[in-house]
N, C-alpha and C. Protein backbone atom coordinates (compact mmCIF):
# COMPACT_ATOMS: atom_id res chain seq x y z
N MET A 1 -13.61 6.44 11.75
CA MET A 1 -12.48 6.52 10.82
C MET A 1 -11.15 6.69 11.58
N THR A 2 -11.17 7.58 12.58
CA THR A 2 -9.96 7.80 13.38
C THR A 2 -9.56 6.54 14.13
N GLY A 3 -10.58 5.84 14.68
CA GLY A 3 -10.31 4.60 15.40
C GLY A 3 -9.69 3.55 14.50
N ARG A 4 -10.20 3.45 13.27
CA ARG A 4 -9.66 2.48 12.31
C ARG A 4 -8.22 2.84 11.95
N LEU A 5 -7.97 4.12 11.80
CA LEU A 5 -6.61 4.57 11.47
C LEU A 5 -5.63 4.22 12.59
N LEU A 6 -6.02 4.49 13.82
CA LEU A 6 -5.15 4.20 14.96
C LEU A 6 -4.93 2.70 15.12
N LEU A 7 -6.00 1.92 14.95
CA LEU A 7 -5.88 0.46 15.06
C LEU A 7 -4.94 -0.08 13.99
N GLY A 8 -5.08 0.44 12.77
CA GLY A 8 -4.21 0.00 11.68
C GLY A 8 -2.75 0.32 11.95
N LEU A 9 -2.50 1.51 12.49
CA LEU A 9 -1.12 1.89 12.82
C LEU A 9 -0.54 0.98 13.89
N VAL A 10 -1.35 0.66 14.89
CA VAL A 10 -0.89 -0.25 15.95
C VAL A 10 -0.54 -1.62 15.37
N ILE A 11 -1.41 -2.12 14.48
CA ILE A 11 -1.18 -3.43 13.86
C ILE A 11 0.09 -3.41 13.00
N GLY A 12 0.40 -2.26 12.42
CA GLY A 12 1.62 -2.14 11.64
C GLY A 12 2.86 -1.99 12.51
N ILE A 13 2.73 -1.22 13.60
CA ILE A 13 3.89 -0.90 14.44
C ILE A 13 4.31 -2.08 15.31
N VAL A 14 3.35 -2.80 15.88
CA VAL A 14 3.67 -3.87 16.84
C VAL A 14 4.64 -4.91 16.27
N PRO A 15 4.40 -5.48 15.07
CA PRO A 15 5.37 -6.45 14.54
C PRO A 15 6.76 -5.84 14.33
N ALA A 16 6.79 -4.58 13.89
CA ALA A 16 8.08 -3.91 13.66
C ALA A 16 8.84 -3.75 14.97
N VAL A 17 8.15 -3.35 16.02
CA VAL A 17 8.78 -3.17 17.33
C VAL A 17 9.25 -4.51 17.89
N MET A 18 8.44 -5.56 17.69
CA MET A 18 8.83 -6.89 18.17
C MET A 18 10.10 -7.38 17.48
N VAL A 19 10.18 -7.15 16.17
CA VAL A 19 11.38 -7.54 15.43
C VAL A 19 12.58 -6.73 15.91
N ALA A 20 12.37 -5.42 16.12
CA ALA A 20 13.45 -4.57 16.62
C ALA A 20 13.94 -5.06 17.98
N GLY A 21 13.00 -5.41 18.85
CA GLY A 21 13.37 -5.93 20.17
C GLY A 21 14.17 -7.21 20.08
N PHE A 22 13.77 -8.08 19.15
CA PHE A 22 14.50 -9.33 18.96
C PHE A 22 15.91 -9.06 18.46
N ILE A 23 16.04 -8.15 17.52
CA ILE A 23 17.36 -7.83 16.96
C ILE A 23 18.28 -7.26 18.03
N ILE A 24 17.75 -6.34 18.84
CA ILE A 24 18.56 -5.70 19.88
C ILE A 24 18.99 -6.71 20.95
N SER A 25 18.09 -7.63 21.28
CA SER A 25 18.40 -8.61 22.33
C SER A 25 19.24 -9.77 21.80
N HIS A 26 19.38 -9.87 20.49
CA HIS A 26 20.22 -10.92 19.88
C HIS A 26 21.20 -10.25 18.91
N PRO A 27 22.26 -9.66 19.42
CA PRO A 27 23.20 -8.89 18.59
C PRO A 27 23.84 -9.69 17.45
N ASP A 28 23.89 -11.00 17.60
CA ASP A 28 24.54 -11.83 16.58
C ASP A 28 23.62 -12.19 15.42
N THR A 29 22.37 -11.81 15.52
CA THR A 29 21.42 -12.14 14.45
C THR A 29 21.76 -11.37 13.18
N GLU A 30 21.33 -11.88 12.05
CA GLU A 30 21.62 -11.23 10.77
C GLU A 30 20.42 -10.42 10.29
N PHE A 31 19.65 -9.89 11.21
CA PHE A 31 18.54 -9.02 10.87
C PHE A 31 19.00 -7.56 10.99
N TYR A 32 18.42 -6.70 10.14
CA TYR A 32 18.82 -5.30 10.10
C TYR A 32 17.59 -4.40 10.11
N ILE A 33 17.84 -3.11 9.98
CA ILE A 33 16.76 -2.13 10.05
C ILE A 33 15.73 -2.35 8.94
N LYS A 34 16.18 -2.88 7.80
CA LYS A 34 15.25 -3.13 6.70
C LYS A 34 14.23 -4.22 7.07
N HIS A 35 14.60 -5.11 7.96
CA HIS A 35 13.64 -6.11 8.42
C HIS A 35 12.56 -5.46 9.27
N VAL A 36 12.93 -4.42 10.01
CA VAL A 36 11.96 -3.69 10.83
C VAL A 36 10.95 -2.99 9.92
N THR A 37 11.43 -2.28 8.91
CA THR A 37 10.52 -1.58 8.00
C THR A 37 9.68 -2.55 7.18
N ASN A 38 10.26 -3.69 6.84
CA ASN A 38 9.49 -4.70 6.11
C ASN A 38 8.34 -5.24 6.94
N PHE A 39 8.60 -5.47 8.22
CA PHE A 39 7.53 -5.97 9.10
C PHE A 39 6.47 -4.89 9.34
N TYR A 40 6.90 -3.63 9.37
CA TYR A 40 5.93 -2.53 9.48
C TYR A 40 5.00 -2.52 8.28
N CYS A 41 5.55 -2.77 7.11
CA CYS A 41 4.76 -2.72 5.88
C CYS A 41 3.92 -3.98 5.66
N MET A 42 4.35 -5.09 6.22
CA MET A 42 3.68 -6.36 5.95
C MET A 42 2.18 -6.29 6.24
N LEU A 43 1.82 -5.90 7.44
CA LEU A 43 0.41 -5.73 7.79
C LEU A 43 -0.01 -4.26 7.72
N GLY A 44 0.96 -3.36 7.86
CA GLY A 44 0.64 -1.94 7.85
C GLY A 44 0.02 -1.48 6.55
N MET A 45 0.56 -1.94 5.41
CA MET A 45 0.01 -1.52 4.13
C MET A 45 -1.41 -2.06 3.92
N LEU A 46 -1.64 -3.29 4.36
CA LEU A 46 -2.98 -3.86 4.26
C LEU A 46 -3.97 -3.05 5.08
N MET A 47 -3.60 -2.73 6.32
CA MET A 47 -4.50 -1.96 7.18
C MET A 47 -4.69 -0.54 6.65
N ALA A 48 -3.65 0.03 6.06
CA ALA A 48 -3.75 1.38 5.51
C ALA A 48 -4.75 1.43 4.37
N VAL A 49 -4.68 0.45 3.47
CA VAL A 49 -5.62 0.43 2.34
C VAL A 49 -7.04 0.16 2.83
N LEU A 50 -7.19 -0.75 3.79
CA LEU A 50 -8.52 -1.02 4.35
C LEU A 50 -9.10 0.24 4.99
N THR A 51 -8.25 1.02 5.64
CA THR A 51 -8.72 2.29 6.22
C THR A 51 -9.13 3.27 5.14
N SER A 52 -8.34 3.36 4.08
CA SER A 52 -8.62 4.33 3.02
C SER A 52 -9.87 3.99 2.21
N ILE A 53 -10.23 2.70 2.15
CA ILE A 53 -11.43 2.32 1.38
C ILE A 53 -12.66 2.18 2.26
N TYR A 54 -12.53 2.49 3.55
CA TYR A 54 -13.66 2.29 4.47
C TYR A 54 -14.91 3.02 4.00
N LEU A 55 -14.78 4.28 3.63
CA LEU A 55 -15.95 5.07 3.24
C LEU A 55 -16.61 4.54 1.98
N ILE A 56 -15.80 4.20 0.97
CA ILE A 56 -16.42 3.71 -0.26
C ILE A 56 -17.00 2.32 -0.08
N SER A 57 -16.37 1.48 0.74
CA SER A 57 -16.92 0.15 0.98
C SER A 57 -18.26 0.26 1.71
N ARG A 58 -18.35 1.20 2.64
CA ARG A 58 -19.62 1.42 3.35
C ARG A 58 -20.69 1.93 2.39
N ASP A 59 -20.33 2.89 1.55
CA ASP A 59 -21.32 3.49 0.65
C ASP A 59 -21.79 2.51 -0.42
N PHE A 60 -20.89 1.68 -0.93
CA PHE A 60 -21.29 0.69 -1.93
C PHE A 60 -22.13 -0.41 -1.30
N SER A 61 -21.79 -0.84 -0.09
CA SER A 61 -22.50 -1.96 0.53
C SER A 61 -23.88 -1.56 1.04
N THR A 62 -24.04 -0.30 1.45
CA THR A 62 -25.34 0.16 1.96
C THR A 62 -26.23 0.75 0.88
N GLY A 63 -25.68 0.97 -0.30
CA GLY A 63 -26.45 1.57 -1.38
C GLY A 63 -26.46 3.09 -1.35
N ALA A 64 -25.73 3.68 -0.39
CA ALA A 64 -25.68 5.14 -0.30
C ALA A 64 -25.04 5.76 -1.53
N ILE A 65 -24.27 4.96 -2.27
CA ILE A 65 -23.60 5.47 -3.46
C ILE A 65 -24.60 5.94 -4.51
N THR A 66 -25.81 5.37 -4.50
CA THR A 66 -26.84 5.78 -5.47
C THR A 66 -27.30 7.21 -5.20
N LEU A 67 -27.29 7.62 -3.94
CA LEU A 67 -27.68 8.98 -3.59
C LEU A 67 -26.54 9.96 -3.87
N ILE A 68 -25.33 9.52 -3.59
CA ILE A 68 -24.16 10.38 -3.79
C ILE A 68 -23.93 10.65 -5.27
N SER A 69 -24.26 9.66 -6.11
CA SER A 69 -23.94 9.75 -7.54
C SER A 69 -25.09 10.31 -8.37
N ASN A 70 -25.85 11.24 -7.80
CA ASN A 70 -27.02 11.75 -8.53
C ASN A 70 -26.70 12.92 -9.46
N SER A 71 -25.44 13.33 -9.51
CA SER A 71 -25.04 14.37 -10.46
C SER A 71 -23.57 14.21 -10.79
N ARG A 72 -23.18 14.76 -11.93
CA ARG A 72 -21.78 14.65 -12.35
C ARG A 72 -20.87 15.34 -11.34
N TYR A 73 -21.28 16.48 -10.81
CA TYR A 73 -20.46 17.21 -9.84
C TYR A 73 -20.25 16.37 -8.58
N ASN A 74 -21.33 15.76 -8.09
CA ASN A 74 -21.23 14.94 -6.88
C ASN A 74 -20.32 13.73 -7.10
N ARG A 75 -20.43 13.12 -8.28
CA ARG A 75 -19.60 11.95 -8.57
C ARG A 75 -18.12 12.32 -8.58
N ARG A 76 -17.80 13.42 -9.24
CA ARG A 76 -16.40 13.85 -9.31
C ARG A 76 -15.89 14.25 -7.93
N SER A 77 -16.72 14.97 -7.18
CA SER A 77 -16.32 15.41 -5.84
C SER A 77 -16.08 14.21 -4.93
N TYR A 78 -16.92 13.19 -5.08
CA TYR A 78 -16.79 11.98 -4.26
C TYR A 78 -15.47 11.27 -4.55
N VAL A 79 -15.14 11.16 -5.81
CA VAL A 79 -13.88 10.51 -6.20
C VAL A 79 -12.69 11.30 -5.67
N PHE A 80 -12.70 12.62 -5.87
CA PHE A 80 -11.60 13.46 -5.41
C PHE A 80 -11.46 13.40 -3.88
N ALA A 81 -12.59 13.46 -3.17
CA ALA A 81 -12.55 13.45 -1.71
C ALA A 81 -11.96 12.15 -1.18
N ASN A 82 -12.36 11.03 -1.76
CA ASN A 82 -11.85 9.75 -1.29
C ASN A 82 -10.39 9.55 -1.67
N MET A 83 -9.98 10.12 -2.80
CA MET A 83 -8.57 10.03 -3.18
C MET A 83 -7.72 10.84 -2.20
N ILE A 84 -8.23 11.99 -1.79
CA ILE A 84 -7.52 12.81 -0.80
C ILE A 84 -7.38 12.05 0.52
N VAL A 85 -8.45 11.34 0.91
CA VAL A 85 -8.40 10.52 2.12
C VAL A 85 -7.29 9.48 2.01
N ALA A 86 -7.22 8.82 0.86
CA ALA A 86 -6.19 7.79 0.65
C ALA A 86 -4.78 8.38 0.74
N VAL A 87 -4.59 9.56 0.16
CA VAL A 87 -3.27 10.21 0.19
C VAL A 87 -2.92 10.62 1.62
N LEU A 88 -3.90 11.14 2.36
CA LEU A 88 -3.65 11.53 3.75
C LEU A 88 -3.29 10.32 4.61
N VAL A 89 -4.01 9.22 4.41
CA VAL A 89 -3.69 7.98 5.14
C VAL A 89 -2.27 7.54 4.79
N ALA A 90 -1.93 7.61 3.51
CA ALA A 90 -0.59 7.22 3.07
C ALA A 90 0.47 8.10 3.71
N PHE A 91 0.21 9.40 3.77
CA PHE A 91 1.17 10.34 4.37
C PHE A 91 1.39 10.01 5.85
N ILE A 92 0.31 9.74 6.57
CA ILE A 92 0.42 9.42 7.99
C ILE A 92 1.22 8.14 8.19
N TYR A 93 0.91 7.11 7.40
CA TYR A 93 1.65 5.84 7.52
C TYR A 93 3.12 6.02 7.15
N ALA A 94 3.39 6.86 6.16
CA ALA A 94 4.78 7.10 5.75
C ALA A 94 5.56 7.80 6.85
N VAL A 95 4.97 8.83 7.44
CA VAL A 95 5.64 9.57 8.52
C VAL A 95 5.89 8.67 9.72
N ILE A 96 4.87 7.91 10.13
CA ILE A 96 5.02 7.01 11.27
C ILE A 96 6.06 5.93 10.96
N GLY A 97 6.04 5.42 9.74
CA GLY A 97 7.01 4.39 9.35
C GLY A 97 8.44 4.89 9.43
N VAL A 98 8.68 6.09 8.94
CA VAL A 98 10.02 6.68 9.02
C VAL A 98 10.41 6.90 10.48
N ALA A 99 9.46 7.37 11.28
CA ALA A 99 9.74 7.59 12.71
C ALA A 99 10.10 6.29 13.41
N VAL A 100 9.36 5.22 13.11
CA VAL A 100 9.66 3.92 13.70
C VAL A 100 11.07 3.46 13.32
N ALA A 101 11.42 3.64 12.05
CA ALA A 101 12.75 3.24 11.58
C ALA A 101 13.85 4.03 12.28
N VAL A 102 13.67 5.34 12.40
CA VAL A 102 14.68 6.19 13.03
C VAL A 102 14.83 5.85 14.51
N ILE A 103 13.71 5.66 15.20
CA ILE A 103 13.75 5.34 16.63
C ILE A 103 14.41 3.99 16.87
N CYS A 104 14.02 2.99 16.07
CA CYS A 104 14.60 1.65 16.23
C CYS A 104 16.09 1.66 15.92
N SER A 105 16.48 2.43 14.92
CA SER A 105 17.90 2.54 14.59
C SER A 105 18.67 3.18 15.75
N GLY A 106 18.07 4.21 16.34
CA GLY A 106 18.70 4.88 17.47
C GLY A 106 18.81 4.00 18.70
N MET A 107 17.93 3.01 18.80
CA MET A 107 17.95 2.09 19.94
C MET A 107 18.95 0.96 19.76
N GLY A 108 19.56 0.89 18.56
CA GLY A 108 20.62 -0.10 18.38
C GLY A 108 20.41 -1.11 17.28
N VAL A 109 19.32 -1.00 16.52
CA VAL A 109 19.13 -1.93 15.40
C VAL A 109 20.15 -1.59 14.31
N PRO A 110 20.98 -2.55 13.89
CA PRO A 110 22.02 -2.26 12.90
C PRO A 110 21.45 -2.03 11.50
N GLY A 111 22.27 -1.45 10.65
CA GLY A 111 21.86 -1.19 9.27
C GLY A 111 21.96 0.28 8.94
N ARG A 112 22.39 0.57 7.74
CA ARG A 112 22.55 1.96 7.30
C ARG A 112 21.19 2.59 7.06
N LEU A 113 20.98 3.72 7.72
CA LEU A 113 19.69 4.40 7.60
C LEU A 113 19.94 5.80 7.03
N GLY A 114 20.30 5.86 5.76
CA GLY A 114 20.62 7.12 5.13
C GLY A 114 19.41 7.81 4.53
N PHE A 115 19.66 9.00 3.98
CA PHE A 115 18.57 9.77 3.38
C PHE A 115 17.95 9.03 2.21
N GLY A 116 18.78 8.35 1.41
CA GLY A 116 18.28 7.64 0.24
C GLY A 116 17.27 6.56 0.61
N PHE A 117 17.60 5.81 1.66
CA PHE A 117 16.69 4.74 2.09
C PHE A 117 15.40 5.33 2.66
N LEU A 118 15.53 6.32 3.55
CA LEU A 118 14.35 6.89 4.20
C LEU A 118 13.43 7.59 3.20
N SER A 119 14.02 8.35 2.27
CA SER A 119 13.20 9.04 1.27
C SER A 119 12.53 8.04 0.34
N GLY A 120 13.26 6.97 -0.01
CA GLY A 120 12.66 5.93 -0.85
C GLY A 120 11.53 5.22 -0.14
N PHE A 121 11.74 4.90 1.13
CA PHE A 121 10.71 4.26 1.95
C PHE A 121 9.47 5.15 2.04
N PHE A 122 9.69 6.43 2.30
CA PHE A 122 8.58 7.38 2.41
C PHE A 122 7.79 7.45 1.10
N LEU A 123 8.50 7.61 -0.01
CA LEU A 123 7.84 7.73 -1.31
C LEU A 123 7.13 6.43 -1.69
N ASN A 124 7.73 5.30 -1.37
CA ASN A 124 7.10 4.01 -1.66
C ASN A 124 5.73 3.90 -1.00
N VAL A 125 5.67 4.25 0.29
CA VAL A 125 4.41 4.16 1.03
C VAL A 125 3.38 5.13 0.45
N ILE A 126 3.84 6.34 0.10
CA ILE A 126 2.94 7.34 -0.49
C ILE A 126 2.32 6.83 -1.79
N LEU A 127 3.06 6.05 -2.56
CA LEU A 127 2.56 5.53 -3.83
C LEU A 127 1.73 4.26 -3.65
N VAL A 128 2.16 3.39 -2.76
CA VAL A 128 1.52 2.08 -2.62
C VAL A 128 0.06 2.19 -2.18
N ILE A 129 -0.20 2.97 -1.16
CA ILE A 129 -1.55 3.01 -0.58
C ILE A 129 -2.58 3.57 -1.56
N PRO A 130 -2.36 4.72 -2.21
CA PRO A 130 -3.34 5.19 -3.20
C PRO A 130 -3.50 4.24 -4.39
N THR A 131 -2.42 3.55 -4.77
CA THR A 131 -2.51 2.61 -5.89
C THR A 131 -3.45 1.46 -5.57
N TYR A 132 -3.29 0.86 -4.42
CA TYR A 132 -4.17 -0.26 -4.04
C TYR A 132 -5.57 0.23 -3.67
N PHE A 133 -5.66 1.46 -3.18
CA PHE A 133 -6.97 2.07 -2.97
C PHE A 133 -7.73 2.15 -4.29
N MET A 134 -7.06 2.61 -5.34
CA MET A 134 -7.71 2.71 -6.65
C MET A 134 -8.06 1.35 -7.21
N LEU A 135 -7.21 0.37 -6.99
CA LEU A 135 -7.51 -0.99 -7.44
C LEU A 135 -8.79 -1.48 -6.79
N CYS A 136 -8.92 -1.26 -5.49
CA CYS A 136 -10.14 -1.66 -4.78
C CYS A 136 -11.36 -0.89 -5.29
N TYR A 137 -11.18 0.39 -5.54
CA TYR A 137 -12.28 1.23 -6.04
C TYR A 137 -12.77 0.69 -7.38
N ILE A 138 -11.85 0.33 -8.25
CA ILE A 138 -12.22 -0.21 -9.56
C ILE A 138 -12.99 -1.51 -9.41
N ILE A 139 -12.56 -2.36 -8.48
CA ILE A 139 -13.27 -3.62 -8.25
C ILE A 139 -14.68 -3.36 -7.72
N PHE A 140 -14.83 -2.35 -6.85
CA PHE A 140 -16.17 -1.97 -6.39
C PHE A 140 -17.03 -1.50 -7.57
N LEU A 141 -16.43 -0.72 -8.46
CA LEU A 141 -17.17 -0.23 -9.63
C LEU A 141 -17.64 -1.37 -10.53
N LYS A 142 -16.94 -2.49 -10.48
CA LYS A 142 -17.32 -3.66 -11.28
C LYS A 142 -18.44 -4.46 -10.63
N GLY A 143 -18.88 -4.02 -9.44
CA GLY A 143 -20.00 -4.69 -8.79
C GLY A 143 -19.64 -5.70 -7.73
N ALA A 144 -18.36 -5.80 -7.37
CA ALA A 144 -17.94 -6.77 -6.35
C ALA A 144 -18.35 -6.31 -4.96
N GLY A 145 -18.58 -7.26 -4.07
CA GLY A 145 -18.93 -6.96 -2.70
C GLY A 145 -17.70 -6.78 -1.82
N ASN A 146 -17.94 -6.39 -0.57
CA ASN A 146 -16.83 -6.14 0.35
C ASN A 146 -15.93 -7.36 0.53
N GLY A 147 -16.54 -8.53 0.69
CA GLY A 147 -15.76 -9.75 0.91
C GLY A 147 -14.80 -10.04 -0.22
N THR A 148 -15.29 -9.86 -1.44
CA THR A 148 -14.45 -10.10 -2.62
C THR A 148 -13.29 -9.12 -2.67
N VAL A 149 -13.60 -7.85 -2.41
CA VAL A 149 -12.56 -6.81 -2.46
C VAL A 149 -11.50 -7.06 -1.39
N TYR A 150 -11.93 -7.35 -0.17
CA TYR A 150 -10.98 -7.58 0.92
C TYR A 150 -10.11 -8.80 0.65
N THR A 151 -10.72 -9.84 0.10
CA THR A 151 -9.96 -11.06 -0.20
C THR A 151 -8.91 -10.81 -1.28
N LEU A 152 -9.32 -10.15 -2.36
CA LEU A 152 -8.39 -9.85 -3.45
C LEU A 152 -7.26 -8.94 -2.99
N LEU A 153 -7.60 -7.97 -2.14
CA LEU A 153 -6.58 -7.06 -1.61
C LEU A 153 -5.56 -7.81 -0.77
N THR A 154 -6.04 -8.69 0.09
CA THR A 154 -5.15 -9.48 0.95
C THR A 154 -4.23 -10.37 0.12
N VAL A 155 -4.80 -11.02 -0.89
CA VAL A 155 -4.01 -11.88 -1.77
C VAL A 155 -2.96 -11.05 -2.52
N ALA A 156 -3.38 -9.89 -3.04
CA ALA A 156 -2.48 -9.05 -3.83
C ALA A 156 -1.31 -8.51 -3.01
N LEU A 157 -1.56 -8.19 -1.74
CA LEU A 157 -0.51 -7.60 -0.92
C LEU A 157 0.36 -8.63 -0.19
N LEU A 158 -0.25 -9.72 0.25
CA LEU A 158 0.47 -10.65 1.13
C LEU A 158 0.93 -11.94 0.47
N PHE A 159 0.21 -12.40 -0.54
CA PHE A 159 0.50 -13.73 -1.09
C PHE A 159 1.02 -13.71 -2.53
N LEU A 160 0.43 -12.89 -3.38
CA LEU A 160 0.82 -12.87 -4.80
C LEU A 160 2.30 -12.56 -5.01
N PRO A 161 2.86 -11.54 -4.34
CA PRO A 161 4.28 -11.23 -4.57
C PRO A 161 5.21 -12.39 -4.23
N ASN A 162 4.93 -13.09 -3.12
CA ASN A 162 5.77 -14.23 -2.75
C ASN A 162 5.64 -15.38 -3.74
N LEU A 163 4.43 -15.57 -4.24
CA LEU A 163 4.21 -16.61 -5.25
C LEU A 163 5.01 -16.30 -6.51
N ILE A 164 4.97 -15.03 -6.93
CA ILE A 164 5.71 -14.62 -8.12
C ILE A 164 7.21 -14.77 -7.89
N SER A 165 7.68 -14.41 -6.69
CA SER A 165 9.11 -14.53 -6.37
C SER A 165 9.60 -15.97 -6.49
N ASN A 166 8.73 -16.90 -6.12
CA ASN A 166 9.11 -18.31 -6.22
C ASN A 166 9.12 -18.81 -7.66
N ILE A 167 8.31 -18.17 -8.50
CA ILE A 167 8.22 -18.59 -9.90
C ILE A 167 9.32 -17.95 -10.75
N LEU A 168 9.72 -16.73 -10.41
CA LEU A 168 10.67 -15.97 -11.23
C LEU A 168 11.95 -16.73 -11.58
N PRO A 169 12.60 -17.43 -10.64
CA PRO A 169 13.84 -18.12 -11.00
C PRO A 169 13.68 -19.16 -12.11
N SER A 170 12.47 -19.67 -12.28
CA SER A 170 12.24 -20.69 -13.31
C SER A 170 11.91 -20.08 -14.67
N ILE A 171 11.80 -18.75 -14.73
CA ILE A 171 11.51 -18.07 -15.99
C ILE A 171 12.83 -17.69 -16.66
N HIS A 172 13.08 -18.22 -17.83
CA HIS A 172 14.36 -18.02 -18.51
C HIS A 172 14.36 -16.81 -19.46
N SER A 173 13.19 -16.38 -19.86
CA SER A 173 13.10 -15.24 -20.77
C SER A 173 13.37 -13.94 -20.01
N LYS A 174 14.41 -13.22 -20.42
CA LYS A 174 14.75 -11.96 -19.77
C LYS A 174 13.65 -10.92 -19.93
N LEU A 175 12.99 -10.95 -21.09
CA LEU A 175 11.91 -10.00 -21.35
C LEU A 175 10.75 -10.23 -20.39
N VAL A 176 10.35 -11.48 -20.25
CA VAL A 176 9.23 -11.81 -19.36
C VAL A 176 9.58 -11.47 -17.92
N ARG A 177 10.81 -11.80 -17.52
CA ARG A 177 11.25 -11.48 -16.16
C ARG A 177 11.23 -9.97 -15.91
N SER A 178 11.70 -9.22 -16.90
CA SER A 178 11.72 -7.77 -16.77
C SER A 178 10.31 -7.20 -16.67
N LEU A 179 9.40 -7.74 -17.47
CA LEU A 179 8.01 -7.27 -17.43
C LEU A 179 7.39 -7.53 -16.06
N ILE A 180 7.64 -8.71 -15.52
CA ILE A 180 7.09 -9.06 -14.20
C ILE A 180 7.71 -8.19 -13.11
N GLU A 181 9.03 -8.03 -13.16
CA GLU A 181 9.73 -7.28 -12.13
C GLU A 181 9.38 -5.79 -12.15
N ASN A 182 8.87 -5.31 -13.27
CA ASN A 182 8.47 -3.91 -13.38
C ASN A 182 6.96 -3.73 -13.39
N THR A 183 6.26 -4.70 -12.81
CA THR A 183 4.82 -4.61 -12.63
C THR A 183 4.54 -4.19 -11.19
N PRO A 184 3.80 -3.10 -10.98
CA PRO A 184 3.56 -2.60 -9.61
C PRO A 184 3.00 -3.63 -8.65
N LEU A 185 2.14 -4.53 -9.12
CA LEU A 185 1.57 -5.54 -8.23
C LEU A 185 2.65 -6.47 -7.68
N TYR A 186 3.80 -6.51 -8.35
CA TYR A 186 4.92 -7.31 -7.84
C TYR A 186 5.88 -6.46 -7.02
N TYR A 187 6.38 -5.37 -7.61
CA TYR A 187 7.48 -4.68 -6.93
C TYR A 187 7.03 -3.80 -5.76
N TYR A 188 5.79 -3.35 -5.74
CA TYR A 188 5.35 -2.56 -4.59
C TYR A 188 5.37 -3.36 -3.29
N PRO A 189 4.67 -4.49 -3.21
CA PRO A 189 4.68 -5.24 -1.94
C PRO A 189 6.07 -5.78 -1.57
N ILE A 190 6.86 -6.14 -2.59
CA ILE A 190 8.18 -6.73 -2.33
C ILE A 190 9.17 -5.70 -1.80
N TYR A 191 9.17 -4.50 -2.36
CA TYR A 191 10.23 -3.54 -2.07
C TYR A 191 9.79 -2.33 -1.25
N VAL A 192 8.51 -2.20 -0.93
CA VAL A 192 8.03 -0.99 -0.27
C VAL A 192 8.81 -0.67 1.00
N GLY A 193 9.18 -1.68 1.77
CA GLY A 193 9.87 -1.42 3.02
C GLY A 193 11.34 -1.74 3.02
N SER A 194 11.88 -2.12 1.86
CA SER A 194 13.27 -2.58 1.86
C SER A 194 14.24 -1.72 1.05
N ARG A 195 13.75 -1.01 0.05
CA ARG A 195 14.69 -0.18 -0.73
C ARG A 195 13.93 0.80 -1.61
N ALA A 196 14.64 1.82 -2.08
CA ALA A 196 14.07 2.73 -3.06
C ALA A 196 13.91 2.01 -4.39
N LEU A 197 12.89 2.37 -5.14
CA LEU A 197 12.65 1.75 -6.43
C LEU A 197 13.53 2.41 -7.49
N SER A 198 13.55 1.81 -8.67
CA SER A 198 14.27 2.41 -9.79
C SER A 198 13.44 3.55 -10.37
N LEU A 199 14.09 4.41 -11.15
CA LEU A 199 13.36 5.51 -11.79
C LEU A 199 12.26 4.97 -12.70
N LEU A 200 12.54 3.87 -13.40
CA LEU A 200 11.54 3.26 -14.26
C LEU A 200 10.34 2.80 -13.45
N GLN A 201 10.58 2.18 -12.31
CA GLN A 201 9.48 1.69 -11.48
C GLN A 201 8.66 2.84 -10.91
N TYR A 202 9.33 3.92 -10.52
CA TYR A 202 8.58 5.09 -10.05
C TYR A 202 7.76 5.71 -11.17
N ALA A 203 8.32 5.75 -12.37
CA ALA A 203 7.60 6.30 -13.52
C ALA A 203 6.37 5.45 -13.84
N ILE A 204 6.55 4.13 -13.83
CA ILE A 204 5.42 3.22 -14.07
C ILE A 204 4.36 3.40 -12.99
N GLY A 205 4.81 3.50 -11.73
CA GLY A 205 3.87 3.69 -10.63
C GLY A 205 3.07 4.97 -10.76
N ALA A 206 3.74 6.07 -11.14
CA ALA A 206 3.05 7.34 -11.32
C ALA A 206 2.05 7.26 -12.48
N ALA A 207 2.45 6.60 -13.57
CA ALA A 207 1.56 6.44 -14.72
C ALA A 207 0.33 5.62 -14.35
N VAL A 208 0.53 4.56 -13.58
CA VAL A 208 -0.59 3.72 -13.14
C VAL A 208 -1.56 4.53 -12.28
N LEU A 209 -1.02 5.38 -11.40
CA LEU A 209 -1.87 6.23 -10.56
C LEU A 209 -2.73 7.17 -11.41
N ILE A 210 -2.10 7.81 -12.37
CA ILE A 210 -2.82 8.77 -13.21
C ILE A 210 -3.88 8.07 -14.05
N ILE A 211 -3.50 6.96 -14.69
CA ILE A 211 -4.45 6.22 -15.53
C ILE A 211 -5.60 5.66 -14.69
N GLY A 212 -5.27 5.11 -13.52
CA GLY A 212 -6.30 4.56 -12.64
C GLY A 212 -7.27 5.63 -12.17
N PHE A 213 -6.74 6.79 -11.82
CA PHE A 213 -7.60 7.88 -11.35
C PHE A 213 -8.53 8.36 -12.46
N MET A 214 -8.01 8.51 -13.67
CA MET A 214 -8.83 8.93 -14.80
C MET A 214 -9.90 7.88 -15.12
N TYR A 215 -9.53 6.62 -15.00
CA TYR A 215 -10.49 5.53 -15.25
C TYR A 215 -11.64 5.59 -14.25
N ILE A 216 -11.30 5.79 -12.98
CA ILE A 216 -12.34 5.87 -11.94
C ILE A 216 -13.26 7.05 -12.19
N LEU A 217 -12.68 8.20 -12.53
CA LEU A 217 -13.51 9.37 -12.85
C LEU A 217 -14.46 9.07 -14.00
N ASN A 218 -13.97 8.36 -14.99
CA ASN A 218 -14.76 8.03 -16.18
C ASN A 218 -15.88 7.06 -15.87
N LYS A 219 -15.59 6.08 -15.03
CA LYS A 219 -16.54 5.00 -14.77
C LYS A 219 -17.50 5.28 -13.62
N SER A 220 -17.26 6.35 -12.87
CA SER A 220 -18.12 6.64 -11.73
C SER A 220 -19.42 7.28 -12.21
N LYS A 221 -20.23 6.50 -12.86
CA LYS A 221 -21.51 6.98 -13.37
C LYS A 221 -22.59 6.81 -12.31
N ARG A 222 -23.81 7.15 -12.65
CA ARG A 222 -24.91 7.03 -11.69
C ARG A 222 -25.25 5.57 -11.45
N TYR A 223 -25.39 5.21 -10.18
CA TYR A 223 -25.69 3.82 -9.82
C TYR A 223 -27.18 3.68 -9.57
N LYS A 224 -27.73 2.55 -10.05
CA LYS A 224 -29.17 2.31 -9.89
C LYS A 224 -29.38 1.01 -9.13
């Protein structure tokens, strides 16, 4: 688990550092500190979620979940323990992400790095990782295998938001646009590393976390 965590952090940090190096060596470029944090999140969030679901993916794929789920207490404890793991992973990624941003800014990467941006970035990461962890958990509960879960996660984090961004300009209904723009599957991957979210988006994100967690607790019955 520790090795996976460290590998994931390296995969997240390396692109960010490379972008920072490019920006510093090319002062005339129009890249800023937000590009560094965006590159940190691009693969970093994917690796963070993969790290957080490692234990449940192993238990579901090996059938160990049938032994763990032999009582209501064990089922609830298992869900709580894995949720704590996801939050801890999120906290580590958030702290490292903020540190990378501060260090790169100090080395000469341009862009305003105020408290509002850093606190928003930190909170975004804290929310994104447990949210996608729960999404993967729910898919596992539906009987999907590791390959399906990993594929859907990759599509949801790396491809779906860009696809939606390309479609949005062609949508003329303000209501539909607003609904899409305030859907976590869209705004989390798009804005996690670039800006603080709106109060409405944070409220929706918190509600999704609570509802998702309650759903998982409800559906984590005995597996046969």
